[in-house]
Amino acid sequence: MKNQSPWPPIKAVLVEDDVRVRESLVAALGANEDFELLGAYSSAEDMIEAISGLTPHVVLMDLQLPGMSGIECTAKLKEMLPQAQVIV
């Protein structure tokens, strides 16, 4: 579906280790023309590695992740992309 909004879509990144939750959120964001999903990652480390070159407006962050926690990842992310808003 084409974006009918006068504004460009919100660029989003998702970090969620639970595959069912991640897939549900990917489907929900994909069905909404107001969002452009730049990537969905199962770990903070994967997202940090892949984020180079991306300019998300919003990062949807799970706090309880394997390895690096969502809190640690948010701190690193804010150093890399201070303009990005993080929703936990």
C-alpha atoms as a PDB file:
ATOM      1  CA  MET A   1       0.000   0.000   0.000  1.00  0.00           C
ATOM      2  CA  LYS A   2       1.340   3.434  -0.925  1.00  0.00           C
ATOM      3  CA  ASN A   3       1.953   5.962   1.847  1.00  0.00           C
ATOM      4  CA  GLN A   4      -0.950   8.446   1.710  1.00  0.00           C
ATOM      5  CA  SER A   5       0.493  10.565   4.505  1.00  0.00           C
ATOM      6  CA  PRO A   6       2.022  13.944   3.631  1.00  0.00           C
ATOM      7  CA  TRP A   7       5.061  12.891   5.703  1.00  0.00           C
ATOM      8  CA  PRO A   8       7.672  10.328   4.770  1.00  0.00           C
ATOM      9  CA  PRO A   9       7.505   6.994   6.588  1.00  0.00           C
ATOM     10  CA  ILE A  10       9.153   6.584   9.979  1.00  0.00           C
ATOM     11  CA  LYS A  11      12.308   4.497   9.580  1.00  0.00           C
ATOM     12  CA  ALA A  12      12.392   1.826  12.274  1.00  0.00           C
ATOM     13  CA  VAL A  13      14.727  -0.895  13.521  1.00  0.00           C
ATOM     14  CA  LEU A  14      13.619  -3.734  15.779  1.00  0.00           C
ATOM     15  CA  VAL A  15      15.714  -5.683  18.311  1.00  0.00           C
ATOM     16  CA  GLU A  16      13.822  -8.639  19.814  1.00  0.00           C
ATOM     17  CA  ASP A  17      15.163 -12.108  20.619  1.00  0.00           C
ATOM     18  CA  ASP A  18      11.795 -13.885  20.855  1.00  0.00           C
ATOM     19  CA  VAL A  19      11.150 -15.029  17.286  1.00  0.00           C
ATOM     20  CA  ARG A  20       7.338 -15.015  17.647  1.00  0.00           C
ATOM     21  CA  VAL A  21       7.275 -11.478  19.031  1.00  0.00           C
ATOM     22  CA  ARG A  22       9.796 -10.298  16.428  1.00  0.00           C
ATOM     23  CA  GLU A  23       7.818 -11.809  13.547  1.00  0.00           C
ATOM     24  CA  SER A  24       4.569 -10.312  14.867  1.00  0.00           C
ATOM     25  CA  LEU A  25       6.113  -6.863  15.123  1.00  0.00           C
ATOM     26  CA  VAL A  26       7.676  -7.185  11.671  1.00  0.00           C
ATOM     27  CA  ALA A  27       4.247  -8.070  10.251  1.00  0.00           C
ATOM     28  CA  ALA A  28       2.537  -5.204  12.081  1.00  0.00           C
ATOM     29  CA  LEU A  29       5.111  -2.633  10.988  1.00  0.00           C
ATOM     30  CA  GLY A  30       5.147  -3.999   7.443  1.00  0.00           C
ATOM     31  CA  ALA A  31       1.382  -3.615   7.200  1.00  0.00           C
ATOM     32  CA  ASN A  32       1.525   0.031   8.260  1.00  0.00           C
ATOM     33  CA  GLU A  33       2.365   2.468   5.489  1.00  0.00           C
ATOM     34  CA  ASP A  34       3.626   5.013   8.022  1.00  0.00           C
ATOM     35  CA  PHE A  35       6.666   2.836   8.826  1.00  0.00           C
ATOM     36  CA  GLU A  36       9.660   1.608   6.869  1.00  0.00           C
ATOM     37  CA  LEU A  37      11.329  -1.296   8.670  1.00  0.00           C
ATOM     38  CA  LEU A  38      15.079  -1.075   8.047  1.00  0.00           C
ATOM     39  CA  GLY A  39      15.900  -4.281   9.901  1.00  0.00           C
ATOM     40  CA  ALA A  40      14.867  -6.744  12.587  1.00  0.00           C
ATOM     41  CA  TYR A  41      17.549  -8.342  14.748  1.00  0.00           C
ATOM     42  CA  SER A  42      17.588 -11.104  17.356  1.00  0.00           C
ATOM     43  CA  SER A  43      20.500  -9.664  19.345  1.00  0.00           C
ATOM     44  CA  ALA A  44      22.016  -6.334  20.267  1.00  0.00           C
ATOM     45  CA  GLU A  45      25.327  -7.406  18.762  1.00  0.00           C
ATOM     46  CA  ASP A  46      23.707  -8.154  15.390  1.00  0.00           C
ATOM     47  CA  MET A  47      21.970  -4.784  15.363  1.00  0.00           C
ATOM     48  CA  ILE A  48      25.134  -2.848  16.327  1.00  0.00           C
ATOM     49  CA  GLU A  49      27.047  -4.611  13.536  1.00  0.00           C
ATOM     50  CA  ALA A  50      24.343  -3.935  10.934  1.00  0.00           C
ATOM     51  CA  ILE A  51      23.358  -0.383  11.914  1.00  0.00           C
ATOM     52  CA  SER A  52      26.320   1.235  10.144  1.00  0.00           C
ATOM     53  CA  GLY A  53      24.930   3.179   7.220  1.00  0.00           C
ATOM     54  CA  LEU A  54      21.346   3.055   8.456  1.00  0.00           C
ATOM     55  CA  THR A  55      19.566   6.125   9.753  1.00  0.00           C
ATOM     56  CA  PRO A  56      16.558   4.939  11.753  1.00  0.00           C
ATOM     57  CA  HIS A  57      14.263   7.452  13.389  1.00  0.00           C
ATOM     58  CA  VAL A  58      13.096   4.870  15.943  1.00  0.00           C
ATOM     59  CA  VAL A  59      14.586   1.720  17.474  1.00  0.00           C
ATOM     60  CA  LEU A  60      12.204  -0.695  19.184  1.00  0.00           C
ATOM     61  CA  MET A  61      14.414  -2.329  21.814  1.00  0.00           C
ATOM     62  CA  ASP A  62      13.858  -5.420  23.950  1.00  0.00           C
ATOM     63  CA  LEU A  63      15.634  -4.967  27.301  1.00  0.00           C
ATOM     64  CA  GLN A  64      16.219  -8.635  28.103  1.00  0.00           C
ATOM     65  CA  LEU A  65      18.456  -9.848  25.298  1.00  0.00           C
ATOM     66  CA  PRO A  66      21.036 -12.635  25.256  1.00  0.00           C
ATOM     67  CA  GLY A  67      24.585 -11.298  25.500  1.00  0.00           C
ATOM     68  CA  MET A  68      24.513  -7.502  25.487  1.00  0.00           C
ATOM     69  CA  SER A  69      21.384  -6.212  27.241  1.00  0.00           C
ATOM     70  CA  GLY A  70      18.990  -3.747  25.688  1.00  0.00           C
ATOM     71  CA  ILE A  71      20.191  -1.117  28.168  1.00  0.00           C
ATOM     72  CA  GLU A  72      23.832  -1.568  27.123  1.00  0.00           C
ATOM     73  CA  CYS A  73      22.809  -1.578  23.464  1.00  0.00           C
ATOM     74  CA  THR A  74      20.799   1.622  23.888  1.00  0.00           C
ATOM     75  CA  ALA A  75      23.837   3.381  25.380  1.00  0.00           C
ATOM     76  CA  LYS A  76      26.034   2.299  22.437  1.00  0.00           C
ATOM     77  CA  LEU A  77      23.322   3.163  19.946  1.00  0.00           C
ATOM     78  CA  LYS A  78      22.913   6.682  21.354  1.00  0.00           C
ATOM     79  CA  GLU A  79      26.666   7.228  20.885  1.00  0.00           C
ATOM     80  CA  MET A  80      26.412   6.073  17.278  1.00  0.00           C
ATOM     81  CA  LEU A  81      23.067   7.660  16.370  1.00  0.00           C
ATOM     82  CA  PRO A  82      22.166  10.351  18.898  1.00  0.00           C
ATOM     83  CA  GLN A  83      19.170  11.479  16.834  1.00  0.00           C
ATOM     84  CA  ALA A  84      17.499   8.040  16.984  1.00  0.00           C
ATOM     85  CA  GLN A  85      14.696   7.605  19.491  1.00  0.00           C
ATOM     86  CA  VAL A  86      14.703   4.325  21.435  1.00  0.00           C
ATOM     87  CA  ILE A  87      11.457   2.740  22.623  1.00  0.00           C
ATOM     88  CA  VAL A  88      11.802  -0.112  25.106  1.00  0.00           C
END
